[in-house]
Amino acid sequence: MPKHLCIDPLDSYAEREVLVAFEAAGSSFHRTAAIDRDGQDILSELTEAQRKDIQDALIEACGFGVSTTHPASRGRIEREAVFH
């Protein structure tokens, strides 16, 4: 299962990171965990906006960023992404 370090959305100073575990299938993603520096899974504590921040980081990390994908395609990827 792939993992990616993202800025901890619960850290107002953006100094800490969380390890996000996810599954990718084509252009769809399924987050399975967001582990903070204390080893706690904080995924259930995140707001929709915070989950969107992680979604954007994963899309960029997987090579689906604005610079590598036509904006219309990126919108399709974002709409199809599945995050729980």
PDB file of N, CA and C in Angstrom:
ATOM      1  N   MET A   1       0.851  -1.163   0.000  1.00  0.00           N
ATOM      2  CA  MET A   1       0.000   0.000   0.000  1.00  0.00           C
ATOM      3  C   MET A   1       0.905   1.237   0.000  1.00  0.00           C
ATOM      4  N   PRO A   2       0.709   2.151  -0.961  1.00  0.00           N
ATOM      5  CA  PRO A   2       1.546   3.350  -1.014  1.00  0.00           C
ATOM      6  C   PRO A   2       1.292   4.266   0.180  1.00  0.00           C
ATOM      7  N   LYS A   3       2.331   5.015   0.515  1.00  0.00           N
ATOM      8  CA  LYS A   3       2.226   5.998   1.592  1.00  0.00           C
ATOM      9  C   LYS A   3       2.872   7.289   1.105  1.00  0.00           C
ATOM     10  N   HIS A   4       2.386   8.405   1.637  1.00  0.00           N
ATOM     11  CA  HIS A   4       2.934   9.702   1.243  1.00  0.00           C
ATOM     12  C   HIS A   4       2.898  10.634   2.442  1.00  0.00           C
ATOM     13  N   LEU A   5       3.994  11.365   2.658  1.00  0.00           N
ATOM     14  CA  LEU A   5       4.024  12.355   3.725  1.00  0.00           C
ATOM     15  C   LEU A   5       3.341  13.628   3.249  1.00  0.00           C
ATOM     16  N   CYS A   6       2.415  14.120   4.059  1.00  0.00           N
ATOM     17  CA  CYS A   6       1.701  15.362   3.772  1.00  0.00           C
ATOM     18  C   CYS A   6       1.795  16.257   5.004  1.00  0.00           C
ATOM     19  N   ILE A   7       1.613  17.528   4.811  1.00  0.00           N
ATOM     20  CA  ILE A   7       1.558  18.445   5.940  1.00  0.00           C
ATOM     21  C   ILE A   7       0.357  18.068   6.798  1.00  0.00           C
ATOM     22  N   ASP A   8       0.560  18.050   8.099  1.00  0.00           N
ATOM     23  CA  ASP A   8      -0.504  17.700   9.037  1.00  0.00           C
ATOM     24  C   ASP A   8      -1.571  18.794   9.005  1.00  0.00           C
ATOM     25  N   PRO A   9      -2.775  18.482   8.542  1.00  0.00           N
ATOM     26  CA  PRO A   9      -3.817  19.507   8.455  1.00  0.00           C
ATOM     27  C   PRO A   9      -4.269  20.038   9.811  1.00  0.00           C
ATOM     28  N   LEU A  10      -3.964  19.328  10.889  1.00  0.00           N
ATOM     29  CA  LEU A  10      -4.340  19.786  12.222  1.00  0.00           C
ATOM     30  C   LEU A  10      -3.275  20.681  12.859  1.00  0.00           C
ATOM     31  N   ASP A  11      -2.134  20.848  12.179  1.00  0.00           N
ATOM     32  CA  ASP A  11      -1.049  21.695  12.678  1.00  0.00           C
ATOM     33  C   ASP A  11      -1.188  23.083  12.069  1.00  0.00           C
ATOM     34  N   SER A  12      -1.608  24.044  12.860  1.00  0.00           N
ATOM     35  CA  SER A  12      -1.848  25.404  12.348  1.00  0.00           C
ATOM     36  C   SER A  12      -0.575  26.095  11.869  1.00  0.00           C
ATOM     37  N   TYR A  13       0.595  25.585  12.267  1.00  0.00           N
ATOM     38  CA  TYR A  13       1.866  26.177  11.833  1.00  0.00           C
ATOM     39  C   TYR A  13       2.467  25.439  10.633  1.00  0.00           C
ATOM     40  N   ALA A  14       1.854  24.379  10.190  1.00  0.00           N
ATOM     41  CA  ALA A  14       2.307  23.582   9.042  1.00  0.00           C
ATOM     42  C   ALA A  14       3.756  23.126   9.195  1.00  0.00           C
ATOM     43  N   GLU A  15       4.105  22.705  10.404  1.00  0.00           N
ATOM     44  CA  GLU A  15       5.465  22.241  10.667  1.00  0.00           C
ATOM     45  C   GLU A  15       5.556  20.725  10.788  1.00  0.00           C
ATOM     46  N   ARG A  16       4.432  20.080  11.066  1.00  0.00           N
ATOM     47  CA  ARG A  16       4.419  18.622  11.243  1.00  0.00           C
ATOM     48  C   ARG A  16       3.858  17.964   9.990  1.00  0.00           C
ATOM     49  N   GLU A  17       4.124  16.672   9.897  1.00  0.00           N
ATOM     50  CA  GLU A  17       3.620  15.901   8.768  1.00  0.00           C
ATOM     51  C   GLU A  17       2.816  14.713   9.267  1.00  0.00           C
ATOM     52  N   VAL A  18       1.965  14.193   8.395  1.00  0.00           N
ATOM     53  CA  VAL A  18       1.261  12.941   8.642  1.00  0.00           C
ATOM     54  C   VAL A  18       1.631  11.986   7.513  1.00  0.00           C
ATOM     55  N   LEU A  19       1.647  10.716   7.832  1.00  0.00           N
ATOM     56  CA  LEU A  19       1.909   9.693   6.832  1.00  0.00           C
ATOM     57  C   LEU A  19       0.561   9.170   6.359  1.00  0.00           C
ATOM     58  N   VAL A  20       0.227   9.465   5.113  1.00  0.00           N
ATOM     59  CA  VAL A  20      -1.067   9.081   4.561  1.00  0.00           C
ATOM     60  C   VAL A  20      -0.904   7.784   3.774  1.00  0.00           C
ATOM     61  N   ALA A  21      -1.619   6.769   4.198  1.00  0.00           N
ATOM     62  CA  ALA A  21      -1.647   5.504   3.472  1.00  0.00           C
ATOM     63  C   ALA A  21      -2.872   5.541   2.560  1.00  0.00           C
ATOM     64  N   PHE A  22      -2.692   5.076   1.329  1.00  0.00           N
ATOM     65  CA  PHE A  22      -3.796   5.118   0.380  1.00  0.00           C
ATOM     66  C   PHE A  22      -3.658   4.011  -0.638  1.00  0.00           C
ATOM     67  N   GLU A  23      -4.749   3.739  -1.309  1.00  0.00           N
ATOM     68  CA  GLU A  23      -4.765   2.803  -2.421  1.00  0.00           C
ATOM     69  C   GLU A  23      -5.139   3.590  -3.663  1.00  0.00           C
ATOM     70  N   ALA A  24      -4.440   3.353  -4.743  1.00  0.00           N
ATOM     71  CA  ALA A  24      -4.730   4.039  -5.998  1.00  0.00           C
ATOM     72  C   ALA A  24      -5.106   3.007  -7.047  1.00  0.00           C
ATOM     73  N   ALA A  25      -6.159   3.310  -7.785  1.00  0.00           N
ATOM     74  CA  ALA A  25      -6.592   2.453  -8.889  1.00  0.00           C
ATOM     75  C   ALA A  25      -6.935   3.368 -10.052  1.00  0.00           C
ATOM     76  N   GLY A  26      -6.020   3.482 -10.987  1.00  0.00           N
ATOM     77  CA  GLY A  26      -6.233   4.410 -12.095  1.00  0.00           C
ATOM     78  C   GLY A  26      -6.236   5.830 -11.569  1.00  0.00           C
ATOM     79  N   SER A  27      -7.343   6.522 -11.753  1.00  0.00           N
ATOM     80  CA  SER A  27      -7.440   7.904 -11.289  1.00  0.00           C
ATOM     81  C   SER A  27      -8.223   8.016  -9.986  1.00  0.00           C
ATOM     82  N   SER A  28      -8.480   6.897  -9.323  1.00  0.00           N
ATOM     83  CA  SER A  28      -9.222   6.921  -8.065  1.00  0.00           C
ATOM     84  C   SER A  28      -8.299   6.622  -6.895  1.00  0.00           C
ATOM     85  N   PHE A  29      -8.594   7.224  -5.772  1.00  0.00           N
ATOM     86  CA  PHE A  29      -7.815   7.038  -4.562  1.00  0.00           C
ATOM     87  C   PHE A  29      -8.747   6.657  -3.424  1.00  0.00           C
ATOM     88  N   HIS A  30      -8.209   5.901  -2.490  1.00  0.00           N
ATOM     89  CA  HIS A  30      -8.942   5.578  -1.272  1.00  0.00           C
ATOM     90  C   HIS A  30      -7.962   5.745  -0.119  1.00  0.00           C
ATOM     91  N   ARG A  31      -8.179   6.765   0.710  1.00  0.00           N
ATOM     92  CA  ARG A  31      -7.322   6.964   1.873  1.00  0.00           C
ATOM     93  C   ARG A  31      -7.667   5.901   2.904  1.00  0.00           C
ATOM     94  N   THR A  32      -6.645   5.330   3.493  1.00  0.00           N
ATOM     95  CA  THR A  32      -6.898   4.323   4.509  1.00  0.00           C
ATOM     96  C   THR A  32      -6.464   4.779   5.895  1.00  0.00           C
ATOM     97  N   ALA A  33      -5.516   5.729   5.970  1.00  0.00           N
ATOM     98  CA  ALA A  33      -5.053   6.214   7.267  1.00  0.00           C
ATOM     99  C   ALA A  33      -4.261   7.502   7.087  1.00  0.00           C
ATOM    100  N   ALA A  34      -4.236   8.299   8.140  1.00  0.00           N
ATOM    101  CA  ALA A  34      -3.388   9.492   8.223  1.00  0.00           C
ATOM    102  C   ALA A  34      -2.759   9.456   9.611  1.00  0.00           C
ATOM    103  N   ILE A  35      -1.528   8.969   9.676  1.00  0.00           N
ATOM    104  CA  ILE A  35      -0.859   8.721  10.944  1.00  0.00           C
ATOM    105  C   ILE A  35      -0.011   9.938  11.325  1.00  0.00           C
ATOM    106  N   ASP A  36      -0.299  10.499  12.520  1.00  0.00           N
ATOM    107  CA  ASP A  36       0.462  11.666  12.974  1.00  0.00           C
ATOM    108  C   ASP A  36       1.758  11.233  13.646  1.00  0.00           C
ATOM    109  N   ARG A  37       2.529  12.195  14.132  1.00  0.00           N
ATOM    110  CA  ARG A  37       3.845  11.873  14.709  1.00  0.00           C
ATOM    111  C   ARG A  37       3.741  11.074  16.001  1.00  0.00           C
ATOM    112  N   ASP A  38       2.561  11.057  16.617  1.00  0.00           N
ATOM    113  CA  ASP A  38       2.357  10.259  17.827  1.00  0.00           C
ATOM    114  C   ASP A  38       1.869   8.847  17.512  1.00  0.00           C
ATOM    115  N   GLY A  39       1.741   8.525  16.225  1.00  0.00           N
ATOM    116  CA  GLY A  39       1.297   7.202  15.817  1.00  0.00           C
ATOM    117  C   GLY A  39      -0.211   7.031  15.805  1.00  0.00           C
ATOM    118  N   GLN A  40      -0.954   8.125  15.930  1.00  0.00           N
ATOM    119  CA  GLN A  40      -2.414   8.066  15.955  1.00  0.00           C
ATOM    120  C   GLN A  40      -2.989   8.307  14.562  1.00  0.00           C
ATOM    121  N   ASP A  41      -4.014   7.573  14.213  1.00  0.00           N
ATOM    122  CA  ASP A  41      -4.708   7.784  12.947  1.00  0.00           C
ATOM    123  C   ASP A  41      -5.705   8.925  13.141  1.00  0.00           C
ATOM    124  N   ILE A  42      -5.457  10.053  12.477  1.00  0.00           N
ATOM    125  CA  ILE A  42      -6.298  11.240  12.646  1.00  0.00           C
ATOM    126  C   ILE A  42      -7.289  11.430  11.506  1.00  0.00           C
ATOM    127  N   LEU A  43      -7.368  10.470  10.608  1.00  0.00           N
ATOM    128  CA  LEU A  43      -8.215  10.623   9.425  1.00  0.00           C
ATOM    129  C   LEU A  43      -9.658  10.965   9.788  1.00  0.00           C
ATOM    130  N   SER A  44     -10.195  10.336  10.799  1.00  0.00           N
ATOM    131  CA  SER A  44     -11.595  10.587  11.162  1.00  0.00           C
ATOM    132  C   SER A  44     -11.806  11.968  11.785  1.00  0.00           C
ATOM    133  N   GLU A  45     -10.744  12.609  12.222  1.00  0.00           N
ATOM    134  CA  GLU A  45     -10.840  13.929  12.836  1.00  0.00           C
ATOM    135  C   GLU A  45     -10.809  15.075  11.824  1.00  0.00           C
ATOM    136  N   LEU A  46     -10.486  14.789  10.586  1.00  0.00           N
ATOM    137  CA  LEU A  46     -10.293  15.834   9.585  1.00  0.00           C
ATOM    138  C   LEU A  46     -11.617  16.339   9.016  1.00  0.00           C
ATOM    139  N   THR A  47     -11.651  17.639   8.747  1.00  0.00           N
ATOM    140  CA  THR A  47     -12.808  18.235   8.085  1.00  0.00           C
ATOM    141  C   THR A  47     -12.729  17.942   6.594  1.00  0.00           C
ATOM    142  N   GLU A  48     -13.791  18.246   5.893  1.00  0.00           N
ATOM    143  CA  GLU A  48     -13.804  18.040   4.439  1.00  0.00           C
ATOM    144  C   GLU A  48     -12.711  18.867   3.765  1.00  0.00           C
ATOM    145  N   ALA A  49     -12.510  20.098   4.211  1.00  0.00           N
ATOM    146  CA  ALA A  49     -11.464  20.957   3.632  1.00  0.00           C
ATOM    147  C   ALA A  49     -10.075  20.373   3.872  1.00  0.00           C
ATOM    148  N   GLN A  50      -9.842  19.810   5.044  1.00  0.00           N
ATOM    149  CA  GLN A  50      -8.551  19.194   5.349  1.00  0.00           C
ATOM    150  C   GLN A  50      -8.340  17.937   4.516  1.00  0.00           C
ATOM    151  N   ARG A  51      -9.391  17.180   4.298  1.00  0.00           N
ATOM    152  CA  ARG A  51      -9.286  15.992   3.431  1.00  0.00           C
ATOM    153  C   ARG A  51      -8.995  16.408   1.996  1.00  0.00           C
ATOM    154  N   LYS A  52      -9.557  17.526   1.577  1.00  0.00           N
ATOM    155  CA  LYS A  52      -9.301  18.049   0.226  1.00  0.00           C
ATOM    156  C   LYS A  52      -7.829  18.432   0.085  1.00  0.00           C
ATOM    157  N   ASP A  53      -7.237  19.016   1.127  1.00  0.00           N
ATOM    158  CA  ASP A  53      -5.817  19.359   1.083  1.00  0.00           C
ATOM    159  C   ASP A  53      -4.968  18.111   0.882  1.00  0.00           C
ATOM    160  N   ILE A  54      -5.297  17.048   1.603  1.00  0.00           N
ATOM    161  CA  ILE A  54      -4.567  15.791   1.437  1.00  0.00           C
ATOM    162  C   ILE A  54      -4.805  15.224   0.044  1.00  0.00           C
ATOM    163  N   GLN A  55      -6.044  15.304  -0.432  1.00  0.00           N
ATOM    164  CA  GLN A  55      -6.371  14.831  -1.772  1.00  0.00           C
ATOM    165  C   GLN A  55      -5.501  15.538  -2.804  1.00  0.00           C
ATOM    166  N   ASP A  56      -5.395  16.851  -2.702  1.00  0.00           N
ATOM    167  CA  ASP A  56      -4.584  17.620  -3.650  1.00  0.00           C
ATOM    168  C   ASP A  56      -3.120  17.204  -3.594  1.00  0.00           C
ATOM    169  N   ALA A  57      -2.604  16.963  -2.392  1.00  0.00           N
ATOM    170  CA  ALA A  57      -1.209  16.534  -2.245  1.00  0.00           C
ATOM    171  C   ALA A  57      -0.989  15.163  -2.886  1.00  0.00           C
ATOM    172  N   LEU A  58      -1.939  14.254  -2.717  1.00  0.00           N
ATOM    173  CA  LEU A  58      -1.808  12.928  -3.323  1.00  0.00           C
ATOM    174  C   LEU A  58      -1.885  13.002  -4.840  1.00  0.00           C
ATOM    175  N   ILE A  59      -2.790  13.808  -5.353  1.00  0.00           N
ATOM    176  CA  ILE A  59      -2.917  13.960  -6.803  1.00  0.00           C
ATOM    177  C   ILE A  59      -1.613  14.495  -7.383  1.00  0.00           C
ATOM    178  N   GLU A  60      -1.046  15.486  -6.724  1.00  0.00           N
ATOM    179  CA  GLU A  60       0.218  16.066  -7.182  1.00  0.00           C
ATOM    180  C   GLU A  60       1.345  15.033  -7.099  1.00  0.00           C
ATOM    181  N   ALA A  61       1.420  14.300  -5.990  1.00  0.00           N
ATOM    182  CA  ALA A  61       2.486  13.319  -5.787  1.00  0.00           C
ATOM    183  C   ALA A  61       2.410  12.168  -6.784  1.00  0.00           C
ATOM    184  N   CYS A  62       1.221  11.835  -7.229  1.00  0.00           N
ATOM    185  CA  CYS A  62       1.048  10.723  -8.170  1.00  0.00           C
ATOM    186  C   CYS A  62       1.209  11.168  -9.623  1.00  0.00           C
ATOM    187  N   GLY A  63       1.607  12.403  -9.840  1.00  0.00           N
ATOM    188  CA  GLY A  63       1.861  12.874 -11.194  1.00  0.00           C
ATOM    189  C   GLY A  63       0.649  13.412 -11.912  1.00  0.00           C
ATOM    190  N   PHE A  64      -0.417  13.729 -11.186  1.00  0.00           N
ATOM    191  CA  PHE A  64      -1.609  14.269 -11.804  1.00  0.00           C
ATOM    192  C   PHE A  64      -1.744  15.764 -11.555  1.00  0.00           C
ATOM    193  N   GLY A  65      -0.620  16.436 -11.334  1.00  0.00           N
ATOM    194  CA  GLY A  65      -0.647  17.865 -11.026  1.00  0.00           C
ATOM    195  C   GLY A  65      -1.026  18.709 -12.216  1.00  0.00           C
ATOM    196  N   VAL A  66      -1.287  19.971 -11.954  1.00  0.00           N
ATOM    197  CA  VAL A  66      -1.697  20.907 -12.997  1.00  0.00           C
ATOM    198  C   VAL A  66      -0.656  20.988 -14.099  1.00  0.00           C
ATOM    199  N   SER A  67       0.629  20.925 -13.728  1.00  0.00           N
ATOM    200  CA  SER A  67       1.681  21.084 -14.721  1.00  0.00           C
ATOM    201  C   SER A  67       1.814  19.876 -15.647  1.00  0.00           C
ATOM    202  N   THR A  68       1.306  18.710 -15.244  1.00  0.00           N
ATOM    203  CA  THR A  68       1.475  17.513 -16.061  1.00  0.00           C
ATOM    204  C   THR A  68       0.180  17.012 -16.680  1.00  0.00           C
ATOM    205  N   THR A  69      -0.934  17.601 -16.317  1.00  0.00           N
ATOM    206  CA  THR A  69      -2.224  17.127 -16.801  1.00  0.00           C
ATOM    207  C   THR A  69      -3.068  18.306 -17.252  1.00  0.00           C
ATOM    208  N   HIS A  70      -3.761  18.139 -18.343  1.00  0.00           N
ATOM    209  CA  HIS A  70      -4.667  19.176 -18.816  1.00  0.00           C
ATOM    210  C   HIS A  70      -5.681  19.482 -17.725  1.00  0.00           C
ATOM    211  N   PRO A  71      -5.992  20.768 -17.486  1.00  0.00           N
ATOM    212  CA  PRO A  71      -6.923  21.120 -16.397  1.00  0.00           C
ATOM    213  C   PRO A  71      -8.255  20.372 -16.446  1.00  0.00           C
ATOM    214  N   ALA A  72      -8.767  20.104 -17.636  1.00  0.00           N
ATOM    215  CA  ALA A  72     -10.037  19.371 -17.732  1.00  0.00           C
ATOM    216  C   ALA A  72      -9.872  17.950 -17.203  1.00  0.00           C
ATOM    217  N   SER A  73      -8.728  17.332 -17.485  1.00  0.00           N
ATOM    218  CA  SER A  73      -8.477  15.983 -16.994  1.00  0.00           C
ATOM    219  C   SER A  73      -8.300  15.981 -15.489  1.00  0.00           C
ATOM    220  N   ARG A  74      -7.605  16.990 -14.958  1.00  0.00           N
ATOM    221  CA  ARG A  74      -7.390  17.058 -13.512  1.00  0.00           C
ATOM    222  C   ARG A  74      -8.732  17.161 -12.794  1.00  0.00           C
ATOM    223  N   GLY A  75      -9.663  17.932 -13.345  1.00  0.00           N
ATOM    224  CA  GLY A  75     -10.984  18.030 -12.746  1.00  0.00           C
ATOM    225  C   GLY A  75     -11.676  16.683 -12.722  1.00  0.00           C
ATOM    226  N   ARG A  76     -11.520  15.891 -13.779  1.00  0.00           N
ATOM    227  CA  ARG A  76     -12.106  14.557 -13.828  1.00  0.00           C
ATOM    228  C   ARG A  76     -11.495  13.682 -12.750  1.00  0.00           C
ATOM    229  N   ILE A  77     -10.184  13.760 -12.579  1.00  0.00           N
ATOM    230  CA  ILE A  77      -9.508  12.967 -11.554  1.00  0.00           C
ATOM    231  C   ILE A  77     -10.025  13.346 -10.172  1.00  0.00           C
ATOM    232  N   GLU A  78     -10.165  14.640  -9.906  1.00  0.00           N
ATOM    233  CA  GLU A  78     -10.634  15.075  -8.601  1.00  0.00           C
ATOM    234  C   GLU A  78     -12.056  14.621  -8.339  1.00  0.00           C
ATOM    235  N   ARG A  79     -12.898  14.663  -9.351  1.00  0.00           N
ATOM    236  CA  ARG A  79     -14.292  14.239  -9.165  1.00  0.00           C
ATOM    237  C   ARG A  79     -14.371  12.738  -8.925  1.00  0.00           C
ATOM    238  N   GLU A  80     -13.488  11.960  -9.561  1.00  0.00           N
ATOM    239  CA  GLU A  80     -13.541  10.515  -9.421  1.00  0.00           C
ATOM    240  C   GLU A  80     -12.839  10.023  -8.163  1.00  0.00           C
ATOM    241  N   ALA A  81     -12.004  10.847  -7.576  1.00  0.00           N
ATOM    242  CA  ALA A  81     -11.248  10.406  -6.398  1.00  0.00           C
ATOM    243  C   ALA A  81     -12.200  10.034  -5.274  1.00  0.00           C
ATOM    244  N   VAL A  82     -11.900   8.932  -4.635  1.00  0.00           N
ATOM    245  CA  VAL A  82     -12.738   8.440  -3.544  1.00  0.00           C
ATOM    246  C   VAL A  82     -11.943   8.551  -2.257  1.00  0.00           C
ATOM    247  N   PHE A  83     -12.450   9.289  -1.307  1.00  0.00           N
ATOM    248  CA  PHE A  83     -11.762   9.465  -0.042  1.00  0.00           C
ATOM    249  C   PHE A  83     -12.726   9.184   1.090  1.00  0.00           C
ATOM    250  N   HIS A  84     -12.325   8.335   2.010  1.00  0.00           N
ATOM    251  CA  HIS A  84     -13.139   7.992   3.176  1.00  0.00           C
ATOM    252  C   HIS A  84     -12.414   8.403   4.431  1.00  0.00           C
TER     253      HIS A  84
END
